[in-house]
């Protein structure tokens, strides 16, 4: 039979957990918290999001200047192209227009690259600021949560929203909680060949 490895290991862990429960583990005080909801309703969240939005608006305005210059070049190129193609005009006029058109085309290509670079930089800076903002707020929420957990004497708290910035589903665990990690690893490595080096528990 072919097993799906993650599911198979998960089944082993669950089985070991069920069989390894003790009387003291059955008396654990367990609770849940919705970290996403806490983040959404934290008063600082609206304030910090407002700062990020202001930052994004300022960067957009800065980019508008680049775009305006680029559009002016495009309009000028259209005029020069029309002149260069107008057979009713003197040859020298048409030649001069063509030379200007070629030079402006190169300048506009450089400007286009600058715009692309500026857009990517601005986007990265906004995303970085947002990430740091979320991490800071989640850390503050976690600090308050720890205080509540301690006050109520809880042993295990699960995040039911699985907020990515919280990093894990379990946001608090006490020394009373049975950790089966080393036991499972020991069982997995019990039949390892003698020549295989495994990490010591």
N, C-alpha and C. Protein backbone atom coordinates (compact mmCIF):
# COMPACT_ATOMS: atom_id res chain seq x y z
N UNK A 1 0.85 -1.20 0.00
CA UNK A 1 0.00 0.00 0.00
C UNK A 1 0.88 1.24 0.00
N UNK A 2 0.55 2.26 -0.82
CA UNK A 2 1.33 3.48 -0.90
C UNK A 2 0.70 4.53 0.00
N UNK A 3 1.50 5.06 0.95
CA UNK A 3 0.98 6.07 1.87
C UNK A 3 1.37 7.47 1.42
N UNK A 4 0.48 8.41 1.70
CA UNK A 4 0.83 9.81 1.55
C UNK A 4 1.64 10.16 2.78
N UNK A 5 2.93 10.51 2.62
CA UNK A 5 3.84 10.64 3.76
C UNK A 5 3.38 11.61 4.84
N UNK A 6 3.00 12.87 4.49
CA UNK A 6 2.55 13.78 5.54
C UNK A 6 1.35 13.25 6.31
N UNK A 7 0.37 12.68 5.57
CA UNK A 7 -0.82 12.16 6.23
C UNK A 7 -0.48 10.96 7.10
N UNK A 8 0.44 10.11 6.62
CA UNK A 8 0.83 8.93 7.37
C UNK A 8 1.51 9.32 8.68
N UNK A 9 2.44 10.27 8.59
CA UNK A 9 3.14 10.72 9.81
C UNK A 9 2.19 11.40 10.78
N UNK A 10 1.23 12.14 10.20
CA UNK A 10 0.24 12.80 11.05
C UNK A 10 -0.58 11.76 11.79
N UNK A 11 -0.96 10.67 11.10
CA UNK A 11 -1.74 9.61 11.73
C UNK A 11 -0.95 8.95 12.85
N UNK A 12 0.35 8.75 12.64
CA UNK A 12 1.21 8.16 13.68
C UNK A 12 1.24 9.07 14.91
N UNK A 13 1.40 10.37 14.65
CA UNK A 13 1.49 11.32 15.76
C UNK A 13 0.20 11.35 16.56
N UNK A 14 -0.94 11.34 15.84
CA UNK A 14 -2.24 11.37 16.52
C UNK A 14 -2.44 10.10 17.34
N UNK A 15 -2.07 8.97 16.75
CA UNK A 15 -2.20 7.69 17.45
C UNK A 15 -1.36 7.67 18.71
N UNK A 16 -0.12 8.15 18.59
CA UNK A 16 0.78 8.18 19.74
C UNK A 16 0.26 9.12 20.81
N UNK A 17 -0.32 10.23 20.36
CA UNK A 17 -0.84 11.21 21.30
C UNK A 17 -1.99 10.63 22.11
N UNK A 18 -2.90 9.94 21.40
CA UNK A 18 -4.06 9.35 22.08
C UNK A 18 -3.61 8.28 23.08
N UNK A 19 -2.69 7.43 22.66
CA UNK A 19 -2.25 6.34 23.54
C UNK A 19 -1.39 6.83 24.70
N UNK A 20 -0.80 8.02 24.53
CA UNK A 20 0.12 8.52 25.57
C UNK A 20 -0.52 9.45 26.57
N UNK A 21 -1.81 9.69 26.47
CA UNK A 21 -2.46 10.60 27.41
C UNK A 21 -2.40 10.06 28.84
N UNK A 22 -2.15 10.93 29.76
CA UNK A 22 -2.12 10.55 31.18
C UNK A 22 -3.26 11.24 31.90
N UNK A 23 -3.44 10.86 33.15
CA UNK A 23 -4.52 11.46 33.94
C UNK A 23 -4.33 12.95 34.09
N UNK A 24 -3.06 13.37 34.27
CA UNK A 24 -2.79 14.79 34.44
C UNK A 24 -3.07 15.55 33.16
N UNK A 25 -2.80 14.92 32.00
CA UNK A 25 -3.04 15.57 30.72
C UNK A 25 -4.53 15.79 30.51
N UNK A 26 -5.34 14.89 31.03
CA UNK A 26 -6.78 15.01 30.88
C UNK A 26 -7.34 16.20 31.66
N UNK A 27 -6.56 16.71 32.60
CA UNK A 27 -7.00 17.84 33.41
C UNK A 27 -6.46 19.17 32.90
N UNK A 28 -5.86 19.16 31.72
CA UNK A 28 -5.31 20.38 31.17
C UNK A 28 -6.41 21.41 30.91
N UNK A 29 -6.08 22.68 31.15
CA UNK A 29 -7.01 23.76 30.87
C UNK A 29 -6.67 24.31 29.48
N UNK A 30 -7.56 24.03 28.52
CA UNK A 30 -7.31 24.39 27.12
C UNK A 30 -8.31 25.45 26.67
N UNK A 31 -7.83 26.39 25.87
CA UNK A 31 -8.70 27.44 25.34
C UNK A 31 -8.32 27.73 23.90
N UNK A 32 -9.13 28.56 23.23
CA UNK A 32 -8.83 28.97 21.87
C UNK A 32 -8.85 30.50 21.80
N UNK A 33 -8.20 31.04 20.78
CA UNK A 33 -8.22 32.48 20.54
C UNK A 33 -8.23 32.70 19.03
N UNK A 34 -8.93 33.70 18.58
CA UNK A 34 -8.95 34.05 17.17
C UNK A 34 -8.00 35.23 16.98
N UNK A 35 -6.76 34.94 16.61
CA UNK A 35 -5.75 35.99 16.47
C UNK A 35 -6.10 36.97 15.34
N UNK A 36 -6.74 36.48 14.28
CA UNK A 36 -7.11 37.36 13.18
C UNK A 36 -8.18 38.35 13.63
N UNK A 37 -9.15 37.86 14.39
CA UNK A 37 -10.20 38.74 14.90
C UNK A 37 -9.62 39.77 15.85
N UNK A 38 -8.68 39.33 16.69
CA UNK A 38 -8.04 40.25 17.63
C UNK A 38 -7.29 41.34 16.86
N UNK A 39 -6.61 40.93 15.79
CA UNK A 39 -5.87 41.90 14.98
C UNK A 39 -6.83 42.87 14.30
N UNK A 40 -7.94 42.35 13.78
CA UNK A 40 -8.90 43.20 13.09
C UNK A 40 -9.53 44.22 14.02
N UNK A 41 -9.75 43.85 15.28
CA UNK A 41 -10.46 44.72 16.22
C UNK A 41 -9.54 45.49 17.15
N UNK A 42 -8.24 45.31 17.02
CA UNK A 42 -7.27 46.06 17.84
C UNK A 42 -7.29 47.51 17.36
N UNK A 43 -7.45 48.45 18.27
CA UNK A 43 -7.59 49.85 17.87
C UNK A 43 -6.38 50.37 17.10
N UNK A 44 -5.21 49.84 17.39
CA UNK A 44 -4.00 50.31 16.71
C UNK A 44 -3.96 49.88 15.25
N UNK A 45 -4.72 48.84 14.92
CA UNK A 45 -4.67 48.33 13.55
C UNK A 45 -5.12 49.38 12.56
N UNK A 46 -6.25 50.05 12.82
CA UNK A 46 -6.74 51.09 11.92
C UNK A 46 -5.74 52.24 11.80
N UNK A 47 -5.12 52.58 12.92
CA UNK A 47 -4.14 53.67 12.92
C UNK A 47 -2.94 53.32 12.05
N UNK A 48 -2.41 52.12 12.26
CA UNK A 48 -1.22 51.70 11.52
C UNK A 48 -1.52 51.46 10.04
N UNK A 49 -2.71 50.94 9.74
CA UNK A 49 -3.10 50.75 8.34
C UNK A 49 -3.22 52.11 7.66
N UNK A 50 -3.72 53.09 8.39
CA UNK A 50 -3.82 54.45 7.85
C UNK A 50 -2.44 54.99 7.48
N UNK A 51 -1.45 54.71 8.32
CA UNK A 51 -0.08 55.17 8.04
C UNK A 51 0.46 54.50 6.78
N UNK A 52 0.19 53.21 6.65
CA UNK A 52 0.65 52.48 5.47
C UNK A 52 -0.02 53.02 4.20
N UNK A 53 -1.33 53.32 4.29
CA UNK A 53 -2.04 53.86 3.14
C UNK A 53 -1.51 55.24 2.75
N UNK A 54 -1.18 56.06 3.75
CA UNK A 54 -0.61 57.37 3.48
C UNK A 54 0.74 57.24 2.79
N UNK A 55 1.54 56.30 3.26
CA UNK A 55 2.83 56.03 2.65
C UNK A 55 2.67 55.61 1.20
N UNK A 56 1.70 54.72 0.94
CA UNK A 56 1.44 54.24 -0.42
C UNK A 56 0.98 55.38 -1.32
N UNK A 57 0.13 56.29 -0.79
CA UNK A 57 -0.34 57.43 -1.57
C UNK A 57 0.80 58.36 -1.95
N UNK A 58 1.72 58.59 -1.00
CA UNK A 58 2.86 59.46 -1.27
C UNK A 58 3.75 58.89 -2.37
N UNK A 59 3.93 57.58 -2.33
CA UNK A 59 4.76 56.94 -3.35
C UNK A 59 4.06 56.97 -4.72
N UNK A 60 2.73 56.85 -4.71
CA UNK A 60 1.99 56.94 -5.97
C UNK A 60 2.13 58.33 -6.59
N UNK A 61 2.08 59.37 -5.74
CA UNK A 61 2.21 60.74 -6.23
C UNK A 61 3.60 60.95 -6.83
N UNK A 62 4.60 60.37 -6.19
CA UNK A 62 5.96 60.48 -6.70
C UNK A 62 6.07 59.81 -8.07
N UNK A 63 5.41 58.68 -8.21
CA UNK A 63 5.44 57.94 -9.48
C UNK A 63 4.65 58.68 -10.56
N UNK A 64 3.65 59.47 -10.15
CA UNK A 64 2.87 60.24 -11.12
C UNK A 64 3.76 61.21 -11.89
N UNK A 65 4.79 61.75 -11.19
CA UNK A 65 5.73 62.65 -11.85
C UNK A 65 6.50 61.95 -12.96
N UNK A 66 6.92 60.72 -12.68
CA UNK A 66 7.61 59.93 -13.69
C UNK A 66 6.69 59.67 -14.89
N UNK A 67 5.45 59.32 -14.58
CA UNK A 67 4.49 58.99 -15.63
C UNK A 67 4.19 60.21 -16.51
N UNK A 68 4.09 61.39 -15.87
CA UNK A 68 3.80 62.61 -16.64
C UNK A 68 4.94 62.92 -17.60
N UNK A 69 6.18 62.78 -17.13
CA UNK A 69 7.34 63.03 -17.99
C UNK A 69 7.37 62.03 -19.14
N UNK A 70 7.04 60.79 -18.85
CA UNK A 70 7.03 59.73 -19.87
C UNK A 70 5.97 60.03 -20.93
N UNK A 71 4.80 60.49 -20.48
CA UNK A 71 3.72 60.80 -21.42
C UNK A 71 4.09 61.98 -22.31
N UNK A 72 4.78 62.99 -21.75
CA UNK A 72 5.22 64.13 -22.54
C UNK A 72 6.17 63.69 -23.65
N UNK A 73 7.07 62.76 -23.29
CA UNK A 73 7.99 62.23 -24.29
C UNK A 73 7.23 61.49 -25.39
N UNK A 74 6.23 60.73 -24.99
CA UNK A 74 5.43 59.98 -25.96
C UNK A 74 4.71 60.93 -26.92
N UNK A 75 4.14 62.01 -26.37
CA UNK A 75 3.44 62.99 -27.21
C UNK A 75 4.40 63.67 -28.18
N UNK A 76 5.59 64.03 -27.66
CA UNK A 76 6.59 64.69 -28.49
C UNK A 76 7.05 63.77 -29.62
N UNK A 77 7.21 62.47 -29.29
CA UNK A 77 7.62 61.50 -30.31
C UNK A 77 6.58 61.38 -31.41
N UNK A 78 5.32 61.46 -31.04
CA UNK A 78 4.24 61.38 -32.03
C UNK A 78 4.33 62.55 -33.01
N UNK A 79 4.61 63.74 -32.47
CA UNK A 79 4.73 64.93 -33.31
C UNK A 79 5.95 64.83 -34.24
N UNK A 80 7.08 64.38 -33.67
CA UNK A 80 8.29 64.25 -34.46
C UNK A 80 8.14 63.21 -35.56
N UNK A 81 7.45 62.12 -35.23
CA UNK A 81 7.23 61.06 -36.22
C UNK A 81 6.38 61.58 -37.38
N UNK A 82 5.37 62.40 -37.04
CA UNK A 82 4.51 62.97 -38.06
C UNK A 82 5.30 63.89 -38.98
N UNK A 83 6.19 64.68 -38.37
CA UNK A 83 7.03 65.59 -39.15
C UNK A 83 7.99 64.84 -40.06
N UNK A 84 8.61 63.81 -39.49
CA UNK A 84 9.59 63.03 -40.25
C UNK A 84 8.97 62.33 -41.44
N UNK A 85 7.69 62.03 -41.38
CA UNK A 85 7.00 61.32 -42.47
C UNK A 85 6.32 62.26 -43.48
N UNK A 86 6.30 63.53 -43.16
CA UNK A 86 5.59 64.49 -44.02
C UNK A 86 6.46 64.82 -45.24
N UNK A 87 6.12 64.25 -46.37
CA UNK A 87 6.91 64.45 -47.60
C UNK A 87 6.77 65.85 -48.18
N UNK A 88 5.84 66.64 -47.67
CA UNK A 88 5.67 68.01 -48.15
C UNK A 88 6.70 68.95 -47.54
N UNK A 89 7.35 68.50 -46.46
CA UNK A 89 8.34 69.33 -45.79
C UNK A 89 9.71 69.17 -46.42
N UNK A 90 10.56 70.15 -46.16
CA UNK A 90 11.93 70.12 -46.68
C UNK A 90 12.66 68.91 -46.10
N UNK A 91 13.55 68.33 -46.88
CA UNK A 91 14.29 67.13 -46.46
C UNK A 91 15.08 67.37 -45.18
N UNK A 92 15.69 68.54 -45.05
CA UNK A 92 16.49 68.84 -43.86
C UNK A 92 15.62 68.89 -42.61
N UNK A 93 14.39 69.39 -42.75
CA UNK A 93 13.45 69.45 -41.62
C UNK A 93 13.06 68.04 -41.20
N UNK A 94 12.78 67.22 -42.19
CA UNK A 94 12.39 65.84 -41.91
C UNK A 94 13.54 65.07 -41.27
N UNK A 95 14.75 65.30 -41.76
CA UNK A 95 15.93 64.61 -41.22
C UNK A 95 16.18 65.01 -39.77
N UNK A 96 16.04 66.31 -39.51
CA UNK A 96 16.24 66.80 -38.14
C UNK A 96 15.19 66.20 -37.20
N UNK A 97 13.96 66.10 -37.67
CA UNK A 97 12.88 65.52 -36.86
C UNK A 97 13.16 64.05 -36.56
N UNK A 98 13.66 63.34 -37.56
CA UNK A 98 13.97 61.92 -37.38
C UNK A 98 15.08 61.72 -36.35
N UNK A 99 16.10 62.57 -36.41
CA UNK A 99 17.20 62.47 -35.45
C UNK A 99 16.71 62.74 -34.03
N UNK A 100 15.86 63.74 -33.90
CA UNK A 100 15.30 64.05 -32.58
C UNK A 100 14.44 62.90 -32.08
N UNK A 101 13.69 62.30 -33.02
CA UNK A 101 12.82 61.18 -32.68
C UNK A 101 13.63 60.00 -32.15
N UNK A 102 14.73 59.68 -32.82
CA UNK A 102 15.58 58.57 -32.42
C UNK A 102 16.22 58.83 -31.04
N UNK A 103 16.67 60.04 -30.83
CA UNK A 103 17.29 60.39 -29.55
C UNK A 103 16.26 60.34 -28.42
N UNK A 104 15.06 60.86 -28.72
CA UNK A 104 14.00 60.88 -27.71
C UNK A 104 13.52 59.46 -27.39
N UNK A 105 13.53 58.59 -28.41
CA UNK A 105 13.12 57.20 -28.19
C UNK A 105 14.05 56.51 -27.20
N UNK A 106 15.34 56.77 -27.31
CA UNK A 106 16.31 56.20 -26.38
C UNK A 106 16.11 56.77 -24.97
N UNK A 107 15.86 58.07 -24.91
CA UNK A 107 15.64 58.73 -23.61
C UNK A 107 14.38 58.18 -22.94
N UNK A 108 13.34 57.98 -23.77
CA UNK A 108 12.09 57.45 -23.21
C UNK A 108 12.25 56.01 -22.72
N UNK A 109 13.08 55.22 -23.40
CA UNK A 109 13.33 53.85 -22.98
C UNK A 109 13.99 53.83 -21.60
N UNK A 110 14.95 54.76 -21.42
CA UNK A 110 15.61 54.87 -20.11
C UNK A 110 14.61 55.29 -19.05
N UNK A 111 13.75 56.24 -19.40
CA UNK A 111 12.73 56.72 -18.45
C UNK A 111 11.76 55.58 -18.10
N UNK A 112 11.42 54.76 -19.08
CA UNK A 112 10.54 53.63 -18.83
C UNK A 112 11.16 52.65 -17.84
N UNK A 113 12.47 52.43 -17.98
CA UNK A 113 13.17 51.56 -17.05
C UNK A 113 13.17 52.15 -15.65
N UNK A 114 13.38 53.46 -15.57
CA UNK A 114 13.36 54.15 -14.27
C UNK A 114 12.00 54.01 -13.60
N UNK A 115 10.95 54.15 -14.40
CA UNK A 115 9.59 54.02 -13.87
C UNK A 115 9.35 52.62 -13.33
N UNK A 116 9.78 51.62 -14.12
CA UNK A 116 9.61 50.23 -13.68
C UNK A 116 10.35 49.95 -12.38
N UNK A 117 11.59 50.44 -12.30
CA UNK A 117 12.39 50.24 -11.09
C UNK A 117 11.75 50.95 -9.89
N UNK A 118 11.27 52.18 -10.13
CA UNK A 118 10.65 52.95 -9.05
C UNK A 118 9.37 52.28 -8.56
N UNK A 119 8.59 51.73 -9.48
CA UNK A 119 7.36 51.05 -9.10
C UNK A 119 7.64 49.81 -8.27
N UNK A 120 8.64 49.03 -8.70
CA UNK A 120 8.99 47.82 -7.94
C UNK A 120 9.53 48.18 -6.56
N UNK A 121 10.35 49.22 -6.49
CA UNK A 121 10.91 49.64 -5.21
C UNK A 121 9.81 50.12 -4.27
N UNK A 122 8.90 50.95 -4.80
CA UNK A 122 7.81 51.47 -3.98
C UNK A 122 6.93 50.34 -3.47
N UNK A 123 6.61 49.40 -4.34
CA UNK A 123 5.77 48.26 -3.95
C UNK A 123 6.44 47.43 -2.87
N UNK A 124 7.74 47.19 -3.02
CA UNK A 124 8.48 46.40 -2.03
C UNK A 124 8.53 47.12 -0.69
N UNK A 125 8.71 48.43 -0.71
CA UNK A 125 8.78 49.20 0.53
C UNK A 125 7.44 49.21 1.27
N UNK A 126 6.36 49.32 0.51
CA UNK A 126 5.02 49.29 1.12
C UNK A 126 4.74 47.91 1.72
N UNK A 127 5.08 46.87 0.98
CA UNK A 127 4.86 45.50 1.47
C UNK A 127 5.70 45.23 2.71
N UNK A 128 6.95 45.70 2.72
CA UNK A 128 7.82 45.50 3.87
C UNK A 128 7.27 46.23 5.09
N UNK A 129 6.80 47.47 4.88
CA UNK A 129 6.23 48.25 5.98
C UNK A 129 4.99 47.56 6.53
N UNK A 130 4.18 47.00 5.64
CA UNK A 130 2.95 46.30 6.08
C UNK A 130 3.30 45.05 6.87
N UNK A 131 4.29 44.31 6.40
CA UNK A 131 4.72 43.10 7.10
C UNK A 131 5.22 43.42 8.49
N UNK A 132 6.07 44.44 8.58
CA UNK A 132 6.62 44.83 9.88
C UNK A 132 5.50 45.33 10.81
N UNK A 133 4.54 46.06 10.24
CA UNK A 133 3.42 46.55 11.03
C UNK A 133 2.62 45.40 11.60
N UNK A 134 2.32 44.40 10.77
CA UNK A 134 1.53 43.25 11.22
C UNK A 134 2.29 42.46 12.29
N UNK A 135 3.58 42.27 12.08
CA UNK A 135 4.38 41.52 13.05
C UNK A 135 4.41 42.23 14.40
N UNK A 136 4.52 43.55 14.36
CA UNK A 136 4.55 44.34 15.60
C UNK A 136 3.22 44.23 16.33
N UNK A 137 2.12 44.36 15.60
CA UNK A 137 0.79 44.29 16.23
C UNK A 137 0.52 42.90 16.79
N UNK A 138 0.91 41.86 16.05
CA UNK A 138 0.70 40.49 16.52
C UNK A 138 1.51 40.25 17.79
N UNK A 139 2.73 40.80 17.85
CA UNK A 139 3.56 40.65 19.04
C UNK A 139 2.90 41.32 20.24
N UNK A 140 2.27 42.47 20.03
CA UNK A 140 1.58 43.17 21.11
C UNK A 140 0.35 42.36 21.57
N UNK A 141 -0.37 41.80 20.60
CA UNK A 141 -1.53 40.97 20.93
C UNK A 141 -1.08 39.75 21.73
N UNK A 142 0.02 39.14 21.29
CA UNK A 142 0.55 37.95 21.95
C UNK A 142 0.94 38.28 23.40
N UNK A 143 1.50 39.46 23.61
CA UNK A 143 1.90 39.87 24.97
C UNK A 143 0.67 39.96 25.88
N UNK A 144 -0.40 40.56 25.37
CA UNK A 144 -1.64 40.66 26.15
C UNK A 144 -2.24 39.28 26.38
N UNK A 145 -2.17 38.44 25.36
CA UNK A 145 -2.70 37.09 25.46
C UNK A 145 -1.96 36.31 26.54
N UNK A 146 -0.65 36.43 26.58
CA UNK A 146 0.14 35.73 27.59
C UNK A 146 -0.28 36.13 29.00
N UNK A 147 -0.58 37.42 29.17
CA UNK A 147 -1.01 37.90 30.48
C UNK A 147 -2.35 37.29 30.88
N UNK A 148 -3.27 37.20 29.90
CA UNK A 148 -4.58 36.60 30.16
C UNK A 148 -4.43 35.12 30.48
N UNK A 149 -3.59 34.44 29.71
CA UNK A 149 -3.34 33.01 29.90
C UNK A 149 -2.79 32.75 31.30
N UNK A 150 -1.84 33.56 31.70
CA UNK A 150 -1.24 33.40 33.03
C UNK A 150 -2.26 33.65 34.12
N UNK A 151 -3.05 34.69 33.96
CA UNK A 151 -4.05 35.04 34.97
C UNK A 151 -5.10 33.95 35.13
N UNK A 152 -5.45 33.27 34.04
CA UNK A 152 -6.48 32.24 34.10
C UNK A 152 -5.90 30.84 34.29
N UNK A 153 -4.57 30.74 34.35
CA UNK A 153 -3.94 29.44 34.59
C UNK A 153 -4.17 28.43 33.48
N UNK A 154 -4.17 28.88 32.25
CA UNK A 154 -4.39 27.98 31.12
C UNK A 154 -3.10 27.24 30.75
N UNK A 155 -3.26 26.04 30.22
CA UNK A 155 -2.10 25.24 29.83
C UNK A 155 -1.83 25.27 28.33
N UNK A 156 -2.90 25.33 27.53
CA UNK A 156 -2.74 25.23 26.09
C UNK A 156 -3.75 26.14 25.40
N UNK A 157 -3.28 26.97 24.46
CA UNK A 157 -4.16 27.88 23.73
C UNK A 157 -3.92 27.73 22.23
N UNK A 158 -4.97 27.40 21.50
CA UNK A 158 -4.89 27.26 20.05
C UNK A 158 -5.40 28.52 19.36
N UNK A 159 -4.74 28.90 18.26
CA UNK A 159 -5.23 29.99 17.43
C UNK A 159 -6.16 29.39 16.39
N UNK A 160 -7.45 29.63 16.50
CA UNK A 160 -8.41 29.02 15.59
C UNK A 160 -8.48 29.70 14.23
N UNK A 161 -7.80 30.84 14.09
CA UNK A 161 -7.80 31.52 12.79
C UNK A 161 -6.60 31.14 11.94
N UNK A 162 -5.57 30.53 12.58
CA UNK A 162 -4.33 30.16 11.88
C UNK A 162 -3.74 31.37 11.17
N UNK A 163 -3.70 32.52 11.85
CA UNK A 163 -3.13 33.75 11.29
C UNK A 163 -1.67 33.52 10.92
N UNK A 164 -1.31 33.71 9.64
CA UNK A 164 0.09 33.46 9.21
C UNK A 164 1.12 34.19 10.05
N UNK A 165 0.84 35.44 10.41
CA UNK A 165 1.83 36.22 11.17
C UNK A 165 2.01 35.69 12.59
N UNK A 166 1.03 34.89 13.06
CA UNK A 166 1.17 34.29 14.39
C UNK A 166 2.11 33.10 14.34
N UNK A 167 2.41 32.63 13.13
CA UNK A 167 3.40 31.59 12.86
C UNK A 167 2.99 30.17 13.21
N UNK A 168 2.11 29.99 14.15
CA UNK A 168 1.76 28.63 14.53
C UNK A 168 0.35 28.57 15.10
N UNK A 169 -0.25 27.38 15.08
CA UNK A 169 -1.62 27.21 15.57
C UNK A 169 -1.67 27.27 17.09
N UNK A 170 -0.62 26.77 17.74
CA UNK A 170 -0.56 26.81 19.20
C UNK A 170 0.19 28.07 19.61
N UNK A 171 -0.48 28.96 20.31
CA UNK A 171 0.16 30.22 20.68
C UNK A 171 0.62 30.24 22.13
N UNK A 172 0.27 29.22 22.89
CA UNK A 172 0.77 29.12 24.27
C UNK A 172 0.74 27.67 24.71
N UNK A 173 1.76 27.27 25.43
CA UNK A 173 1.78 25.92 26.01
C UNK A 173 2.53 25.95 27.33
N UNK A 174 2.03 25.24 28.33
CA UNK A 174 2.69 25.21 29.62
C UNK A 174 3.52 23.94 29.75
N UNK A 175 4.29 23.84 30.81
CA UNK A 175 5.14 22.67 31.03
C UNK A 175 4.32 21.43 31.34
N UNK A 176 3.02 21.61 31.63
CA UNK A 176 2.15 20.46 31.93
C UNK A 176 1.68 19.73 30.68
N UNK A 177 1.88 20.35 29.52
CA UNK A 177 1.42 19.75 28.27
C UNK A 177 2.42 18.70 27.80
N UNK A 178 1.93 17.51 27.53
CA UNK A 178 2.77 16.42 27.07
C UNK A 178 3.23 16.68 25.63
N UNK A 179 4.55 16.74 25.43
CA UNK A 179 5.13 16.95 24.10
C UNK A 179 5.67 15.61 23.61
N UNK A 180 5.05 15.11 22.55
CA UNK A 180 5.40 13.79 22.04
C UNK A 180 6.49 13.81 20.96
N UNK A 181 7.04 14.98 20.68
CA UNK A 181 8.00 15.11 19.58
C UNK A 181 9.17 14.15 19.70
N UNK A 182 9.87 14.17 20.83
CA UNK A 182 11.05 13.33 21.00
C UNK A 182 10.69 11.84 21.00
N UNK A 183 9.53 11.51 21.57
CA UNK A 183 9.07 10.13 21.61
C UNK A 183 8.84 9.61 20.19
N UNK A 184 8.16 10.44 19.37
CA UNK A 184 7.88 10.03 17.99
C UNK A 184 9.18 9.88 17.21
N UNK A 185 10.11 10.82 17.39
CA UNK A 185 11.40 10.76 16.69
C UNK A 185 12.16 9.50 17.11
N UNK A 186 12.10 9.19 18.41
CA UNK A 186 12.79 7.99 18.91
C UNK A 186 12.22 6.74 18.28
N UNK A 187 10.89 6.66 18.18
CA UNK A 187 10.24 5.50 17.57
C UNK A 187 10.59 5.40 16.08
N UNK A 188 10.63 6.54 15.41
CA UNK A 188 10.95 6.55 13.99
C UNK A 188 12.37 6.06 13.73
N UNK A 189 13.31 6.42 14.62
CA UNK A 189 14.72 6.09 14.43
C UNK A 189 15.13 4.78 15.11
N UNK A 190 14.16 4.09 15.74
CA UNK A 190 14.49 2.87 16.48
C UNK A 190 15.07 1.79 15.58
N UNK A 191 14.60 1.73 14.35
CA UNK A 191 15.07 0.69 13.43
C UNK A 191 16.12 1.20 12.44
N UNK A 192 16.70 2.36 12.74
CA UNK A 192 17.71 2.93 11.84
C UNK A 192 18.96 2.05 11.84
N UNK A 193 19.64 1.90 10.71
CA UNK A 193 20.88 1.11 10.65
C UNK A 193 21.93 1.67 11.61
N UNK A 194 22.76 0.81 12.12
CA UNK A 194 23.78 1.22 13.10
C UNK A 194 24.73 2.26 12.55
N UNK A 195 24.92 2.28 11.23
CA UNK A 195 25.85 3.22 10.62
C UNK A 195 25.25 4.58 10.40
N UNK A 196 23.91 4.68 10.59
CA UNK A 196 23.22 5.96 10.37
C UNK A 196 23.36 6.84 11.59
N UNK A 197 23.77 8.08 11.36
CA UNK A 197 23.92 9.04 12.46
C UNK A 197 22.63 9.81 12.63
N UNK A 198 22.09 9.76 13.82
CA UNK A 198 20.86 10.49 14.10
C UNK A 198 21.09 11.47 15.20
N UNK A 199 20.29 12.49 15.25
CA UNK A 199 20.45 13.50 16.29
C UNK A 199 20.06 12.93 17.63
N UNK A 200 20.82 13.26 18.66
CA UNK A 200 20.52 12.77 20.01
C UNK A 200 19.31 13.50 20.54
N UNK A 201 18.47 12.79 21.28
CA UNK A 201 17.26 13.43 21.82
C UNK A 201 17.64 14.57 22.73
